[in-house]
Amino acid sequence: MELSNFILHNDILLFHAIIANQEYVFTVKWKALENKKGGEWELKSYLNHSTGQQDLNEVQLQQLIDRLNPTWNFDKDQEQLRNATKND
């Protein structure tokens, strides 16, 4: 999977992806999580650039979203930052 041509406007991200040798155009929206730190990208639309069809399966779409969404542990990162600044 190759991602390219990112355009960010407020909380909307448009980008191109090559999946199974086909080019796709995706639109995702940043969704802030309630009662949690951070957020995640939510798929809003996509299409095959050549055919105009939505022909990806759920596994392929989930792999794309998993690649976009952050995987860090916010609380652990904050603790490490506090410890690092104490030692300075």
Protein backbone atom coordinates (compact mmCIF):
# COMPACT_ATOMS: atom_id res chain seq x y z
CA MET A 1 0.00 0.00 0.00
CA GLU A 2 1.45 3.31 -1.09
CA LEU A 3 -0.05 6.62 0.09
CA SER A 4 0.54 9.97 -1.63
CA ASN A 5 -0.84 13.41 -2.55
CA PHE A 6 -2.10 14.39 0.90
CA ILE A 7 -4.32 17.46 1.13
CA LEU A 8 -5.45 18.50 4.61
CA HIS A 9 -8.22 21.06 5.11
CA ASN A 10 -9.28 21.56 8.73
CA ASP A 11 -10.33 18.06 9.85
CA ILE A 12 -10.68 16.57 6.34
CA LEU A 13 -7.82 14.69 4.66
CA LEU A 14 -7.85 13.77 0.95
CA PHE A 15 -5.17 11.41 -0.39
CA HIS A 16 -4.37 8.84 -3.06
CA ALA A 17 -3.47 5.22 -2.37
CA ILE A 18 -2.24 2.34 -4.49
CA ILE A 19 -3.88 -0.88 -3.32
CA ALA A 20 -3.52 -4.14 -5.30
CA ASN A 21 -2.05 -2.20 -8.24
CA GLN A 22 -5.10 0.08 -8.43
CA GLU A 23 -5.16 3.80 -7.63
CA TYR A 24 -7.81 5.05 -5.20
CA VAL A 25 -8.83 8.47 -3.90
CA PHE A 26 -9.86 8.62 -0.23
CA THR A 27 -11.49 11.21 1.99
CA VAL A 28 -11.24 10.79 5.76
CA LYS A 29 -12.30 12.99 8.64
CA TRP A 30 -10.59 13.44 12.01
CA LYS A 31 -12.90 12.29 14.78
CA ALA A 32 -12.00 13.38 18.30
CA LEU A 33 -12.84 10.66 20.78
CA GLU A 34 -15.11 11.53 23.68
CA ASN A 35 -13.63 11.03 27.17
CA LYS A 36 -10.32 9.92 25.63
CA LYS A 37 -7.17 11.65 24.55
CA GLY A 38 -6.43 11.89 20.85
CA GLY A 39 -8.73 10.75 18.11
CA GLU A 40 -8.80 8.78 14.91
CA TRP A 41 -9.43 9.05 11.19
CA GLU A 42 -12.86 7.99 9.98
CA LEU A 43 -13.43 6.94 6.35
CA LYS A 44 -15.96 9.21 4.63
CA SER A 45 -15.62 8.20 0.97
CA TYR A 46 -13.38 6.56 -1.58
CA LEU A 47 -13.36 5.46 -5.19
CA ASN A 48 -11.22 3.58 -7.64
CA HIS A 49 -9.60 6.31 -9.74
CA SER A 50 -9.90 4.27 -12.96
CA THR A 51 -13.39 2.81 -12.64
CA GLY A 52 -15.17 5.13 -10.19
CA GLN A 53 -16.29 2.07 -8.23
CA GLN A 54 -16.05 1.32 -4.50
CA ASP A 55 -14.55 -2.14 -4.88
CA LEU A 56 -12.43 -2.67 -1.75
CA ASN A 57 -13.45 -5.20 0.89
CA GLU A 58 -13.76 -4.52 4.62
CA VAL A 59 -10.33 -6.00 5.39
CA GLN A 60 -8.59 -3.72 2.87
CA LEU A 61 -10.44 -0.67 4.19
CA GLN A 62 -9.59 -1.54 7.80
CA GLN A 63 -5.91 -2.00 6.89
CA LEU A 64 -5.92 1.48 5.36
CA ILE A 65 -7.54 3.07 8.43
CA ASP A 66 -5.18 1.18 10.75
CA ARG A 67 -2.24 2.58 8.80
CA LEU A 68 -3.54 6.14 9.12
CA ASN A 69 -4.56 6.11 12.78
CA PRO A 70 -2.00 6.82 15.49
CA THR A 71 -0.89 3.86 17.58
CA TRP A 72 0.90 5.60 20.43
CA ASN A 73 0.06 5.34 24.10
CA PHE A 74 -0.63 8.98 25.03
CA ASP A 75 -0.42 8.44 28.81
CA LYS A 76 2.89 6.56 28.57
CA ASP A 77 4.35 9.25 26.29
CA GLN A 78 3.32 11.99 28.72
CA GLU A 79 4.94 10.10 31.61
CA GLN A 80 8.18 9.70 29.64
CA LEU A 81 8.17 13.43 28.82
CA ARG A 82 7.69 14.33 32.51
CA ASN A 83 10.52 12.00 33.53
CA ALA A 84 12.83 13.41 30.85
CA THR A 85 12.21 17.00 31.94
CA LYS A 86 12.83 16.10 35.60
CA ASN A 87 16.27 14.76 34.68
CA ASP A 88 17.30 17.93 32.81
